[in-house]
């Protein structure tokens, strides 16, 4: 690989990782106050909170006799365990003998069927997202600050956010005009 292209590839990988982390972080809805209080009360009841002091243990680990035992996971039947083992042996998803720590399908990939790839985004979609992130500054800045470029240099990317807002307003207005036209047309006398 050409050494002058490595920084660009690294930047693309970092940008995609940041976008994935950002998407995962916003995929979960924020908890309400009542949910947080309920989770805290459950943690206190089960002793799943840190004990005071420097031990680093939870209360249920420090005083196991004071708290209820966690419910055991339902056990699998013998037939289910055998079926899982046979499936793992067929796919090579079992440890290889010896000290390598590798699975059989990693050690001898030609002996096992290839894993099915999950359909992801096309190259064009990834490229468009990366270019948009670069344009809007929605990518990590260099260094250990943990900030994005648009947070570090807000005036540099103010135009991009203004353009994005303008495009969004235009799209909403166009959709509203289309909806008004269809309502007006359907109400017109025949």
N, C-alpha and C. Protein backbone atom coordinates (compact mmCIF):
# COMPACT_ATOMS: atom_id res chain seq x y z
N UNK A 1 0.84 -1.18 0.00
CA UNK A 1 0.00 0.00 0.00
C UNK A 1 0.88 1.23 0.00
N UNK A 2 0.49 2.24 -0.71
CA UNK A 2 1.24 3.48 -0.81
C UNK A 2 1.25 4.18 0.56
N UNK A 3 2.45 4.55 1.10
CA UNK A 3 2.49 5.15 2.44
C UNK A 3 1.74 6.46 2.53
N UNK A 4 1.56 7.19 1.42
CA UNK A 4 0.84 8.46 1.49
C UNK A 4 -0.65 8.24 1.64
N UNK A 5 -1.16 7.06 1.38
CA UNK A 5 -2.59 6.79 1.48
C UNK A 5 -2.98 6.22 2.83
N UNK A 6 -2.02 5.80 3.62
CA UNK A 6 -2.34 5.20 4.91
C UNK A 6 -3.05 6.18 5.85
N UNK A 7 -2.63 7.44 5.94
CA UNK A 7 -3.37 8.35 6.84
C UNK A 7 -4.83 8.50 6.44
N UNK A 8 -5.09 8.52 5.14
CA UNK A 8 -6.47 8.65 4.68
C UNK A 8 -7.28 7.41 5.05
N UNK A 9 -6.67 6.24 4.89
CA UNK A 9 -7.36 5.00 5.26
C UNK A 9 -7.59 4.96 6.76
N UNK A 10 -6.59 5.38 7.52
CA UNK A 10 -6.74 5.41 8.98
C UNK A 10 -7.84 6.38 9.38
N UNK A 11 -7.88 7.52 8.73
CA UNK A 11 -8.91 8.51 9.04
C UNK A 11 -10.29 7.96 8.73
N UNK A 12 -10.40 7.23 7.62
CA UNK A 12 -11.70 6.64 7.27
C UNK A 12 -12.12 5.60 8.29
N UNK A 13 -11.18 4.77 8.73
CA UNK A 13 -11.51 3.74 9.72
C UNK A 13 -11.92 4.39 11.03
N UNK A 14 -11.19 5.41 11.46
CA UNK A 14 -11.53 6.10 12.71
C UNK A 14 -12.90 6.76 12.60
N UNK A 15 -13.16 7.37 11.46
CA UNK A 15 -14.44 8.04 11.26
C UNK A 15 -15.59 7.04 11.31
N UNK A 16 -15.43 5.90 10.65
CA UNK A 16 -16.48 4.90 10.67
C UNK A 16 -16.69 4.33 12.07
N UNK A 17 -15.61 4.13 12.81
CA UNK A 17 -15.74 3.64 14.18
C UNK A 17 -16.47 4.66 15.05
N UNK A 18 -16.14 5.93 14.86
CA UNK A 18 -16.82 6.97 15.64
C UNK A 18 -18.30 7.05 15.29
N UNK A 19 -18.62 6.92 14.00
CA UNK A 19 -20.02 6.95 13.59
C UNK A 19 -20.78 5.76 14.17
N UNK A 20 -20.15 4.59 14.17
CA UNK A 20 -20.81 3.41 14.73
C UNK A 20 -21.04 3.58 16.23
N UNK A 21 -20.04 4.11 16.94
CA UNK A 21 -20.20 4.33 18.38
C UNK A 21 -21.27 5.38 18.64
N UNK A 22 -21.30 6.42 17.82
CA UNK A 22 -22.30 7.47 17.98
C UNK A 22 -23.71 6.92 17.74
N UNK A 23 -23.85 6.07 16.74
CA UNK A 23 -25.15 5.48 16.43
C UNK A 23 -25.62 4.58 17.58
N UNK A 24 -24.68 3.75 18.10
CA UNK A 24 -25.04 2.87 19.21
C UNK A 24 -25.43 3.67 20.45
N UNK A 25 -24.72 4.77 20.69
CA UNK A 25 -25.00 5.57 21.88
C UNK A 25 -26.38 6.21 21.80
N UNK A 26 -26.80 6.60 20.60
CA UNK A 26 -28.09 7.26 20.46
C UNK A 26 -29.22 6.30 20.14
N UNK A 27 -28.91 5.02 19.95
CA UNK A 27 -29.95 4.05 19.65
C UNK A 27 -30.80 3.75 20.87
N UNK A 28 -30.22 3.87 22.06
CA UNK A 28 -30.95 3.60 23.28
C UNK A 28 -31.64 4.89 23.74
N UNK A 29 -32.91 4.78 24.07
CA UNK A 29 -33.64 5.93 24.55
C UNK A 29 -33.20 6.26 25.97
N UNK A 30 -33.15 7.54 26.33
CA UNK A 30 -32.74 7.89 27.69
C UNK A 30 -33.78 7.39 28.70
N UNK A 31 -33.31 7.05 29.88
CA UNK A 31 -34.20 6.55 30.92
C UNK A 31 -34.94 7.70 31.58
N UNK A 32 -36.15 7.44 32.00
CA UNK A 32 -36.89 8.44 32.74
C UNK A 32 -36.44 8.41 34.19
N UNK A 33 -36.82 9.41 34.94
CA UNK A 33 -36.44 9.48 36.34
C UNK A 33 -37.02 8.28 37.10
N UNK A 34 -38.25 7.92 36.80
CA UNK A 34 -38.88 6.79 37.49
C UNK A 34 -38.13 5.49 37.21
N UNK A 35 -37.67 5.30 35.96
CA UNK A 35 -36.91 4.09 35.62
C UNK A 35 -35.58 4.05 36.36
N UNK A 36 -34.92 5.20 36.47
CA UNK A 36 -33.65 5.25 37.18
C UNK A 36 -33.86 4.94 38.66
N UNK A 37 -34.91 5.51 39.25
CA UNK A 37 -35.20 5.25 40.66
C UNK A 37 -35.51 3.77 40.87
N UNK A 38 -36.28 3.18 39.96
CA UNK A 38 -36.62 1.76 40.07
C UNK A 38 -35.37 0.88 39.96
N UNK A 39 -34.46 1.23 39.05
CA UNK A 39 -33.23 0.47 38.92
C UNK A 39 -32.37 0.59 40.17
N UNK A 40 -32.31 1.79 40.74
CA UNK A 40 -31.52 2.00 41.96
C UNK A 40 -32.11 1.19 43.13
N UNK A 41 -33.44 1.24 43.28
CA UNK A 41 -34.07 0.49 44.37
C UNK A 41 -33.84 -1.01 44.22
N UNK A 42 -33.86 -1.52 42.98
CA UNK A 42 -33.60 -2.94 42.74
C UNK A 42 -32.14 -3.27 43.08
N UNK A 43 -31.22 -2.37 42.75
CA UNK A 43 -29.81 -2.60 43.07
C UNK A 43 -29.59 -2.61 44.58
N UNK A 44 -30.27 -1.73 45.30
CA UNK A 44 -30.15 -1.71 46.77
C UNK A 44 -30.74 -2.99 47.34
N UNK A 45 -31.90 -3.42 46.83
CA UNK A 45 -32.54 -4.62 47.34
C UNK A 45 -31.68 -5.86 47.12
N UNK A 46 -31.02 -5.93 45.94
CA UNK A 46 -30.23 -7.11 45.62
C UNK A 46 -28.77 -6.98 46.06
N UNK A 47 -28.39 -5.81 46.62
CA UNK A 47 -27.01 -5.61 47.06
C UNK A 47 -26.05 -5.42 45.91
N UNK A 48 -26.54 -4.99 44.78
CA UNK A 48 -25.72 -4.83 43.58
C UNK A 48 -25.14 -3.42 43.48
N UNK A 49 -24.73 -2.85 44.61
CA UNK A 49 -24.07 -1.55 44.64
C UNK A 49 -22.76 -1.69 45.40
N UNK A 50 -21.84 -0.81 45.13
CA UNK A 50 -20.52 -0.90 45.74
C UNK A 50 -20.59 -0.67 47.24
N UNK A 51 -19.83 -1.46 47.97
CA UNK A 51 -19.75 -1.31 49.43
C UNK A 51 -18.87 -0.10 49.74
N UNK A 52 -19.13 0.56 50.85
CA UNK A 52 -18.27 1.68 51.21
C UNK A 52 -16.85 1.19 51.52
N UNK A 53 -15.90 2.04 51.27
CA UNK A 53 -14.51 1.68 51.53
C UNK A 53 -13.77 1.40 50.25
N UNK A 54 -12.57 0.85 50.39
CA UNK A 54 -11.70 0.62 49.26
C UNK A 54 -11.69 -0.82 48.77
N UNK A 55 -12.64 -1.62 49.21
CA UNK A 55 -12.60 -3.04 48.85
C UNK A 55 -12.91 -3.26 47.38
N UNK A 56 -13.76 -2.41 46.79
CA UNK A 56 -14.15 -2.58 45.40
C UNK A 56 -15.19 -3.67 45.21
N UNK A 57 -15.69 -4.24 46.31
CA UNK A 57 -16.69 -5.30 46.23
C UNK A 57 -18.08 -4.71 46.33
N UNK A 58 -19.04 -5.44 45.78
CA UNK A 58 -20.44 -5.05 45.94
C UNK A 58 -20.93 -5.58 47.27
N UNK A 59 -22.02 -5.01 47.76
CA UNK A 59 -22.56 -5.44 49.05
C UNK A 59 -22.94 -6.91 49.05
N UNK A 60 -23.50 -7.41 47.95
CA UNK A 60 -23.89 -8.82 47.91
C UNK A 60 -22.68 -9.75 47.82
N UNK A 61 -21.52 -9.24 47.43
CA UNK A 61 -20.30 -10.04 47.44
C UNK A 61 -19.65 -10.01 48.83
N UNK A 62 -19.79 -8.88 49.51
CA UNK A 62 -19.19 -8.73 50.83
C UNK A 62 -20.02 -9.43 51.90
N UNK A 63 -21.35 -9.34 51.76
CA UNK A 63 -22.28 -9.96 52.72
C UNK A 63 -23.29 -10.83 51.96
N UNK A 64 -22.90 -11.98 51.45
CA UNK A 64 -23.82 -12.78 50.62
C UNK A 64 -25.02 -13.31 51.40
N UNK A 65 -24.90 -13.45 52.73
CA UNK A 65 -26.02 -13.99 53.51
C UNK A 65 -27.14 -12.97 53.69
N UNK A 66 -26.91 -11.70 53.44
CA UNK A 66 -27.92 -10.65 53.63
C UNK A 66 -28.81 -10.43 52.40
N UNK A 67 -28.43 -10.97 51.28
CA UNK A 67 -29.14 -10.68 50.04
C UNK A 67 -29.60 -11.97 49.37
N UNK A 68 -30.72 -11.89 48.62
CA UNK A 68 -31.21 -13.11 47.95
C UNK A 68 -30.24 -13.55 46.86
N UNK A 69 -30.20 -14.83 46.65
CA UNK A 69 -29.34 -15.39 45.60
C UNK A 69 -29.95 -15.07 44.24
N UNK A 70 -29.13 -14.76 43.25
CA UNK A 70 -29.69 -14.52 41.91
C UNK A 70 -30.28 -15.81 41.34
N UNK A 71 -31.34 -15.65 40.58
CA UNK A 71 -32.00 -16.80 39.98
C UNK A 71 -31.07 -17.47 38.98
N UNK A 72 -31.01 -18.78 39.03
CA UNK A 72 -30.17 -19.53 38.10
C UNK A 72 -30.82 -19.55 36.73
N UNK A 73 -29.99 -19.55 35.72
CA UNK A 73 -30.50 -19.61 34.35
C UNK A 73 -31.12 -20.99 34.13
N UNK A 74 -32.20 -21.06 33.36
CA UNK A 74 -32.81 -22.36 33.11
C UNK A 74 -31.82 -23.29 32.39
N UNK A 75 -31.72 -24.49 32.86
CA UNK A 75 -30.78 -25.46 32.30
C UNK A 75 -31.29 -26.01 30.98
N UNK A 76 -30.36 -26.32 30.11
CA UNK A 76 -30.72 -26.92 28.82
C UNK A 76 -30.89 -28.42 29.01
N UNK A 77 -31.71 -28.99 28.19
CA UNK A 77 -31.87 -30.45 28.23
C UNK A 77 -30.66 -31.10 27.57
N UNK A 78 -30.49 -32.38 27.81
CA UNK A 78 -29.37 -33.10 27.21
C UNK A 78 -29.44 -33.03 25.68
N UNK A 79 -30.63 -33.15 25.14
CA UNK A 79 -30.80 -33.12 23.69
C UNK A 79 -30.39 -31.75 23.12
N UNK A 80 -30.72 -30.67 23.82
CA UNK A 80 -30.34 -29.34 23.37
C UNK A 80 -28.83 -29.17 23.40
N UNK A 81 -28.18 -29.66 24.46
CA UNK A 81 -26.73 -29.55 24.56
C UNK A 81 -26.05 -30.35 23.45
N UNK A 82 -26.53 -31.55 23.20
CA UNK A 82 -25.96 -32.40 22.13
C UNK A 82 -26.15 -31.72 20.78
N UNK A 83 -27.32 -31.14 20.54
CA UNK A 83 -27.57 -30.46 19.26
C UNK A 83 -26.64 -29.27 19.09
N UNK A 84 -26.43 -28.50 20.16
CA UNK A 84 -25.51 -27.35 20.09
C UNK A 84 -24.09 -27.81 19.81
N UNK A 85 -23.66 -28.89 20.47
CA UNK A 85 -22.32 -29.40 20.25
C UNK A 85 -22.15 -29.89 18.82
N UNK A 86 -23.12 -30.61 18.29
CA UNK A 86 -23.03 -31.09 16.92
C UNK A 86 -22.97 -29.94 15.92
N UNK A 87 -23.74 -28.89 16.16
CA UNK A 87 -23.71 -27.72 15.28
C UNK A 87 -22.35 -27.04 15.35
N UNK A 88 -21.77 -26.95 16.56
CA UNK A 88 -20.46 -26.33 16.71
C UNK A 88 -19.38 -27.16 16.03
N UNK A 89 -19.46 -28.48 16.11
CA UNK A 89 -18.48 -29.35 15.46
C UNK A 89 -18.60 -29.23 13.94
N UNK A 90 -19.84 -29.19 13.43
CA UNK A 90 -20.05 -29.05 11.98
C UNK A 90 -19.48 -27.74 11.45
N UNK A 91 -19.65 -26.65 12.22
CA UNK A 91 -19.18 -25.34 11.75
C UNK A 91 -17.73 -25.08 12.13
N UNK A 92 -17.11 -25.99 12.91
CA UNK A 92 -15.72 -25.80 13.31
C UNK A 92 -15.55 -24.80 14.42
N UNK A 93 -16.61 -24.54 15.15
CA UNK A 93 -16.60 -23.54 16.21
C UNK A 93 -16.24 -24.17 17.55
N UNK A 94 -15.31 -25.12 17.54
CA UNK A 94 -14.81 -25.76 18.76
C UNK A 94 -13.30 -25.55 18.81
N UNK A 95 -12.74 -25.56 20.01
CA UNK A 95 -11.31 -25.34 20.15
C UNK A 95 -10.52 -26.48 19.53
N UNK A 96 -9.44 -26.11 18.87
CA UNK A 96 -8.55 -27.10 18.28
C UNK A 96 -7.69 -27.71 19.38
N UNK A 97 -7.29 -28.95 19.21
CA UNK A 97 -6.42 -29.56 20.22
C UNK A 97 -5.07 -28.85 20.25
N UNK A 98 -4.47 -28.84 21.41
CA UNK A 98 -3.17 -28.21 21.55
C UNK A 98 -3.27 -26.89 22.29
N UNK A 99 -2.20 -26.15 22.27
CA UNK A 99 -2.11 -24.91 23.04
C UNK A 99 -2.32 -23.66 22.19
N UNK A 100 -2.78 -23.82 20.97
CA UNK A 100 -2.89 -22.66 20.09
C UNK A 100 -4.01 -21.72 20.51
N UNK A 101 -5.07 -22.26 21.10
CA UNK A 101 -6.21 -21.42 21.49
C UNK A 101 -7.09 -21.06 20.31
N UNK A 102 -6.80 -21.62 19.15
CA UNK A 102 -7.59 -21.32 17.95
C UNK A 102 -8.73 -22.32 17.82
N UNK A 103 -9.76 -21.89 17.11
CA UNK A 103 -10.87 -22.78 16.81
C UNK A 103 -10.51 -23.59 15.57
N UNK A 104 -11.20 -24.69 15.38
CA UNK A 104 -10.91 -25.56 14.24
C UNK A 104 -11.14 -24.84 12.91
N UNK A 105 -12.18 -24.01 12.82
CA UNK A 105 -12.44 -23.31 11.56
C UNK A 105 -11.42 -22.21 11.29
N UNK A 106 -10.69 -21.78 12.33
CA UNK A 106 -9.61 -20.82 12.13
C UNK A 106 -8.32 -21.54 11.72
N UNK A 107 -8.13 -22.72 12.26
CA UNK A 107 -6.92 -23.50 11.98
C UNK A 107 -6.99 -24.16 10.60
N UNK A 108 -8.15 -24.67 10.23
CA UNK A 108 -8.35 -25.34 8.95
C UNK A 108 -9.60 -24.78 8.27
N UNK A 109 -9.55 -23.58 7.74
CA UNK A 109 -10.75 -22.96 7.15
C UNK A 109 -11.29 -23.69 5.93
N UNK A 110 -10.44 -24.41 5.22
CA UNK A 110 -10.89 -25.10 4.01
C UNK A 110 -11.80 -26.29 4.33
N UNK A 111 -11.78 -26.79 5.56
CA UNK A 111 -12.60 -27.95 5.94
C UNK A 111 -14.03 -27.58 6.33
N UNK A 112 -14.30 -26.30 6.53
CA UNK A 112 -15.60 -25.88 7.05
C UNK A 112 -16.24 -24.88 6.11
N UNK A 113 -17.57 -24.82 6.11
CA UNK A 113 -18.24 -23.86 5.23
C UNK A 113 -17.92 -22.44 5.68
N UNK A 114 -17.85 -21.55 4.70
CA UNK A 114 -17.55 -20.15 5.00
C UNK A 114 -18.73 -19.54 5.75
N UNK A 115 -18.41 -18.68 6.69
CA UNK A 115 -19.46 -18.00 7.45
C UNK A 115 -20.20 -17.05 6.52
N UNK A 116 -21.51 -16.99 6.67
CA UNK A 116 -22.30 -16.11 5.82
C UNK A 116 -22.10 -14.67 6.27
N UNK A 117 -21.82 -13.82 5.32
CA UNK A 117 -21.59 -12.41 5.63
C UNK A 117 -22.94 -11.71 5.74
N UNK A 118 -23.05 -10.85 6.71
CA UNK A 118 -24.26 -10.08 6.89
C UNK A 118 -24.20 -8.91 5.92
N UNK A 119 -25.30 -8.69 5.23
CA UNK A 119 -25.36 -7.60 4.27
C UNK A 119 -25.20 -6.28 5.00
N UNK A 120 -24.26 -5.49 4.56
CA UNK A 120 -24.01 -4.20 5.19
C UNK A 120 -24.31 -3.09 4.21
N UNK A 121 -23.63 -1.99 4.40
CA UNK A 121 -23.82 -0.85 3.52
C UNK A 121 -22.95 -1.03 2.28
N UNK A 122 -23.39 -0.40 1.21
CA UNK A 122 -22.60 -0.44 -0.01
C UNK A 122 -21.42 0.52 0.13
N UNK A 123 -20.47 0.36 -0.75
CA UNK A 123 -19.30 1.24 -0.73
C UNK A 123 -19.72 2.69 -0.92
N UNK A 124 -20.70 2.92 -1.78
CA UNK A 124 -21.15 4.28 -2.04
C UNK A 124 -21.80 4.89 -0.80
N UNK A 125 -22.58 4.08 -0.06
CA UNK A 125 -23.22 4.59 1.16
C UNK A 125 -22.17 4.96 2.20
N UNK A 126 -21.17 4.10 2.37
CA UNK A 126 -20.11 4.39 3.35
C UNK A 126 -19.34 5.63 2.93
N UNK A 127 -19.04 5.71 1.65
CA UNK A 127 -18.29 6.88 1.14
C UNK A 127 -19.10 8.16 1.35
N UNK A 128 -20.40 8.12 1.08
CA UNK A 128 -21.23 9.31 1.26
C UNK A 128 -21.29 9.71 2.74
N UNK A 129 -21.42 8.74 3.63
CA UNK A 129 -21.45 9.05 5.06
C UNK A 129 -20.12 9.64 5.53
N UNK A 130 -19.01 9.07 5.02
CA UNK A 130 -17.70 9.57 5.42
C UNK A 130 -17.49 10.99 4.92
N UNK A 131 -17.85 11.25 3.67
CA UNK A 131 -17.70 12.60 3.13
C UNK A 131 -18.58 13.60 3.87
N UNK A 132 -19.78 13.20 4.24
CA UNK A 132 -20.67 14.07 5.01
C UNK A 132 -20.08 14.35 6.39
N UNK A 133 -19.51 13.33 7.02
CA UNK A 133 -18.90 13.53 8.34
C UNK A 133 -17.70 14.46 8.24
N UNK A 134 -16.91 14.32 7.20
CA UNK A 134 -15.76 15.21 7.01
C UNK A 134 -16.24 16.63 6.76
N UNK A 135 -17.26 16.78 5.92
CA UNK A 135 -17.78 18.11 5.59
C UNK A 135 -18.38 18.81 6.80
N UNK A 136 -19.11 18.04 7.62
CA UNK A 136 -19.78 18.66 8.77
C UNK A 136 -18.92 18.67 10.03
N UNK A 137 -17.72 18.05 9.98
CA UNK A 137 -16.85 18.04 11.15
C UNK A 137 -17.29 17.05 12.20
N UNK A 138 -18.12 16.10 11.83
CA UNK A 138 -18.63 15.11 12.77
C UNK A 138 -17.70 13.90 12.81
N UNK A 139 -16.43 14.18 13.11
CA UNK A 139 -15.40 13.15 13.18
C UNK A 139 -14.42 13.52 14.28
N UNK A 140 -13.73 12.54 14.84
CA UNK A 140 -12.84 12.84 15.97
C UNK A 140 -11.68 13.73 15.54
N UNK A 141 -11.34 14.66 16.42
CA UNK A 141 -10.18 15.52 16.18
C UNK A 141 -8.92 14.76 16.58
N UNK A 142 -7.80 15.18 16.02
CA UNK A 142 -6.53 14.55 16.36
C UNK A 142 -6.18 14.85 17.81
N UNK A 143 -5.49 13.94 18.44
CA UNK A 143 -5.07 14.14 19.82
C UNK A 143 -5.96 13.38 20.79
N UNK A 144 -5.76 13.66 22.04
CA UNK A 144 -6.46 12.94 23.10
C UNK A 144 -7.63 13.71 23.69
N UNK A 145 -8.10 14.75 23.02
CA UNK A 145 -9.15 15.57 23.59
C UNK A 145 -10.49 14.85 23.63
N UNK A 146 -10.73 13.95 22.68
CA UNK A 146 -12.00 13.24 22.62
C UNK A 146 -13.10 14.07 21.98
N UNK A 147 -12.75 15.25 21.50
CA UNK A 147 -13.73 16.13 20.87
C UNK A 147 -13.82 15.84 19.38
N UNK A 148 -14.94 16.24 18.79
CA UNK A 148 -15.09 16.15 17.35
C UNK A 148 -14.56 17.45 16.75
N UNK A 149 -14.31 17.42 15.46
CA UNK A 149 -13.76 18.61 14.79
C UNK A 149 -14.72 19.79 14.89
N UNK A 150 -16.03 19.54 14.77
CA UNK A 150 -16.99 20.64 14.85
C UNK A 150 -17.14 21.18 16.27
N UNK A 151 -16.73 20.41 17.26
CA UNK A 151 -16.73 20.90 18.64
C UNK A 151 -15.45 21.69 18.93
N UNK A 152 -14.36 21.29 18.32
CA UNK A 152 -13.08 21.94 18.52
C UNK A 152 -12.99 23.24 17.73
N UNK A 153 -13.54 23.24 16.53
CA UNK A 153 -13.51 24.41 15.65
C UNK A 153 -14.93 24.74 15.19
N UNK A 154 -15.77 25.30 16.07
CA UNK A 154 -17.18 25.49 15.70
C UNK A 154 -17.39 26.49 14.56
N UNK A 155 -16.56 27.54 14.47
CA UNK A 155 -16.77 28.52 13.39
C UNK A 155 -16.42 27.94 12.03
N UNK A 156 -15.49 27.01 12.01
CA UNK A 156 -15.08 26.39 10.74
C UNK A 156 -16.22 25.56 10.16
N UNK A 157 -17.06 25.00 11.02
CA UNK A 157 -18.12 24.11 10.55
C UNK A 157 -19.51 24.72 10.73
N UNK A 158 -19.61 25.99 11.08
CA UNK A 158 -20.91 26.64 11.24
C UNK A 158 -21.67 26.68 9.93
N UNK A 159 -20.95 26.90 8.83
CA UNK A 159 -21.59 26.96 7.51
C UNK A 159 -22.21 25.61 7.16
N UNK A 160 -21.52 24.52 7.48
CA UNK A 160 -22.03 23.19 7.16
C UNK A 160 -23.31 22.90 7.93
N UNK A 161 -23.36 23.27 9.22
CA UNK A 161 -24.57 23.02 9.99
C UNK A 161 -25.71 23.92 9.53
N UNK A 162 -25.38 25.16 9.10
CA UNK A 162 -26.40 26.05 8.56
C UNK A 162 -26.96 25.49 7.26
N UNK A 163 -26.07 24.98 6.40
CA UNK A 163 -26.53 24.39 5.14
C UNK A 163 -27.40 23.16 5.40
N UNK A 164 -27.01 22.35 6.38
CA UNK A 164 -27.77 21.14 6.70
C UNK A 164 -29.17 21.53 7.19
N UNK A 165 -29.26 22.57 8.02
CA UNK A 165 -30.55 23.01 8.53
C UNK A 165 -31.40 23.58 7.39
N UNK A 166 -30.77 24.30 6.46
CA UNK A 166 -31.50 24.87 5.33
C UNK A 166 -32.05 23.76 4.44
N UNK A 167 -31.24 22.75 4.17
CA UNK A 167 -31.69 21.62 3.36
C UNK A 167 -32.86 20.91 4.04
N UNK A 168 -32.78 20.73 5.36
CA UNK A 168 -33.85 20.07 6.09
C UNK A 168 -35.14 20.89 6.03
N UNK A 169 -35.01 22.22 6.21
CA UNK A 169 -36.20 23.08 6.14
C UNK A 169 -36.82 23.04 4.75
N UNK A 170 -35.98 23.02 3.72
CA UNK A 170 -36.47 22.98 2.35
C UNK A 170 -37.22 21.67 2.08
N UNK A 171 -36.66 20.57 2.59
CA UNK A 171 -37.30 19.27 2.39
C UNK A 171 -38.65 19.21 3.10
N UNK A 172 -38.71 19.77 4.31
CA UNK A 172 -39.98 19.79 5.05
C UNK A 172 -41.00 20.66 4.35
N UNK A 173 -40.56 21.81 3.85
CA UNK A 173 -41.48 22.70 3.14
C UNK A 173 -42.00 22.05 1.86
N UNK A 174 -41.12 21.34 1.14
CA UNK A 174 -41.54 20.67 -0.09
C UNK A 174 -42.54 19.56 0.22
N UNK A 175 -42.29 18.84 1.30
CA UNK A 175 -43.23 17.78 1.69
C UNK A 175 -44.57 18.37 2.09
N UNK A 176 -44.53 19.50 2.78
CA UNK A 176 -45.78 20.15 3.20
C UNK A 176 -46.55 20.66 1.98
N UNK A 177 -45.83 21.24 1.00
CA UNK A 177 -46.49 21.73 -0.21
C UNK A 177 -47.13 20.58 -0.97
N UNK A 178 -46.43 19.45 -1.04
CA UNK A 178 -46.98 18.27 -1.73
C UNK A 178 -48.22 17.77 -1.01
N UNK A 179 -48.18 17.75 0.32
CA UNK A 179 -49.33 17.29 1.09
C UNK A 179 -50.51 18.25 0.92
N UNK A 180 -50.24 19.58 0.93
CA UNK A 180 -51.31 20.56 0.74
C UNK A 180 -51.93 20.41 -0.64
N UNK A 181 -51.08 20.19 -1.66
CA UNK A 181 -51.58 20.04 -3.01
C UNK A 181 -52.47 18.82 -3.14
N UNK A 182 -52.06 17.70 -2.52
CA UNK A 182 -52.87 16.48 -2.63
C UNK A 182 -54.19 16.63 -1.89
N UNK A 183 -54.19 17.35 -0.76
CA UNK A 183 -55.44 17.57 -0.02
C UNK A 183 -56.35 18.49 -0.83
N UNK A 184 -55.78 19.54 -1.39
CA UNK A 184 -56.57 20.48 -2.18
C UNK A 184 -57.14 19.79 -3.41
N UNK A 185 -56.35 18.96 -4.03
CA UNK A 185 -56.79 18.27 -5.23
C UNK A 185 -57.89 17.27 -4.93
N UNK A 186 -57.77 16.57 -3.77
CA UNK A 186 -58.80 15.57 -3.45
C UNK A 186 -60.11 16.24 -3.01
N UNK A 187 -60.02 17.48 -2.54
CA UNK A 187 -61.24 18.17 -2.10
C UNK A 187 -61.88 18.94 -3.24
N UNK A 188 -61.22 19.01 -4.37
CA UNK A 188 -61.75 19.78 -5.50
C UNK A 188 -63.02 19.11 -6.02
N UNK A 189 -64.00 19.92 -6.45
CA UNK A 189 -65.23 19.34 -6.99
C UNK A 189 -64.98 18.61 -8.30
N UNK A 190 -65.76 17.59 -8.55
CA UNK A 190 -65.57 16.79 -9.77
C UNK A 190 -66.56 17.16 -10.82
